[in-house]
């Protein structure tokens, strides 16, 4: 392999950080699922992010979107108005 030795050691040193981030994302995914189901699957990323912040989670909308996308959590499509 033509990889610098420092790259390998940086990757090894980052294992714990990646594991901690993965564990935090799992906990966040659980909270997102609870909020999402409580809203009858109507809340999208902005509302879920707002609710998480109200509960004390320091989250960004981009992180919530990434976790929701990874777990396939989507809001229900809006129904067309009867004409």
Protein backbone atom coordinates (compact mmCIF):
# COMPACT_ATOMS: atom_id res chain seq x y z
CA UNK A 1 0.00 0.00 0.00
CA UNK A 2 1.14 3.47 -0.73
CA UNK A 3 -0.31 5.08 2.36
CA UNK A 4 1.66 7.27 4.67
CA UNK A 5 2.40 5.74 8.04
CA UNK A 6 0.97 8.83 9.75
CA UNK A 7 -2.36 8.27 7.94
CA UNK A 8 -2.63 4.78 9.38
CA UNK A 9 -1.86 5.94 12.91
CA UNK A 10 -4.35 8.81 12.60
CA UNK A 11 -6.99 6.30 11.53
CA UNK A 12 -6.19 4.01 14.47
CA UNK A 13 -6.30 6.94 16.91
CA UNK A 14 -9.75 7.92 15.61
CA UNK A 15 -11.39 4.56 16.36
CA UNK A 16 -12.61 5.58 19.80
CA UNK A 17 -14.01 8.86 18.50
CA UNK A 18 -15.87 7.07 15.69
CA UNK A 19 -17.28 4.52 18.14
CA UNK A 20 -18.44 7.26 20.52
CA UNK A 21 -20.08 9.17 17.66
CA UNK A 22 -21.83 6.01 16.48
CA UNK A 23 -23.14 5.35 20.00
CA UNK A 24 -24.35 8.96 20.33
CA UNK A 25 -26.10 8.70 16.97
CA UNK A 26 -27.88 5.54 18.15
CA UNK A 27 -29.18 7.35 21.24
CA UNK A 28 -30.21 10.30 19.08
CA UNK A 29 -31.94 7.97 16.61
CA UNK A 30 -34.01 6.53 19.46
CA UNK A 31 -35.13 10.01 20.54
CA UNK A 32 -35.89 10.96 16.93
CA UNK A 33 -38.03 7.84 16.56
CA UNK A 34 -39.98 8.67 19.71
CA UNK A 35 -40.65 12.24 18.55
CA UNK A 36 -41.40 11.12 15.00
CA UNK A 37 -43.95 8.50 16.08
CA UNK A 38 -45.53 10.85 18.64
CA UNK A 39 -46.23 13.26 15.79
CA UNK A 40 -47.85 10.42 13.81
CA UNK A 41 -44.93 10.65 11.39
CA UNK A 42 -45.78 14.22 10.41
CA UNK A 43 -42.75 16.08 11.75
CA UNK A 44 -39.80 16.51 9.46
CA UNK A 45 -36.26 17.59 10.20
CA UNK A 46 -36.99 21.20 11.30
CA UNK A 47 -39.68 20.27 13.82
CA UNK A 48 -37.80 17.25 15.14
CA UNK A 49 -34.70 19.42 15.57
CA UNK A 50 -36.71 22.05 17.44
CA UNK A 51 -38.22 19.42 19.75
CA UNK A 52 -34.81 17.88 20.45
CA UNK A 53 -33.43 21.30 21.34
CA UNK A 54 -36.37 21.89 23.69
CA UNK A 55 -35.47 18.59 25.38
CA UNK A 56 -31.87 19.73 25.84
CA UNK A 57 -30.13 17.90 22.99
CA UNK A 58 -27.44 20.12 21.40
CA UNK A 59 -28.14 19.12 17.79
CA UNK A 60 -27.84 20.68 14.38
CA UNK A 61 -30.49 20.21 11.69
CA UNK A 62 -27.89 18.62 9.42
CA UNK A 63 -27.10 15.93 11.98
CA UNK A 64 -30.80 15.22 12.53
CA UNK A 65 -31.30 14.97 8.76
CA UNK A 66 -28.37 12.56 8.44
CA UNK A 67 -29.63 10.32 11.24
CA UNK A 68 -33.21 10.38 9.92
CA UNK A 69 -32.01 9.61 6.40
CA UNK A 70 -29.89 6.72 7.66
CA UNK A 71 -32.86 5.30 9.58
CA UNK A 72 -35.39 5.99 6.77
CA UNK A 73 -37.56 8.24 8.91
CA UNK A 74 -39.66 10.44 6.67
CA UNK A 75 -42.63 12.62 7.30
CA UNK A 76 -45.97 11.67 5.75
CA UNK A 77 -46.60 13.43 2.44
CA UNK A 78 -49.13 16.22 2.62
CA UNK A 79 -52.55 15.25 1.30
CA UNK A 80 -53.82 17.08 -1.73
CA UNK A 81 -56.64 19.46 -0.97
CA UNK A 82 -60.02 18.35 -2.27
CA UNK A 83 -61.00 20.45 -5.25
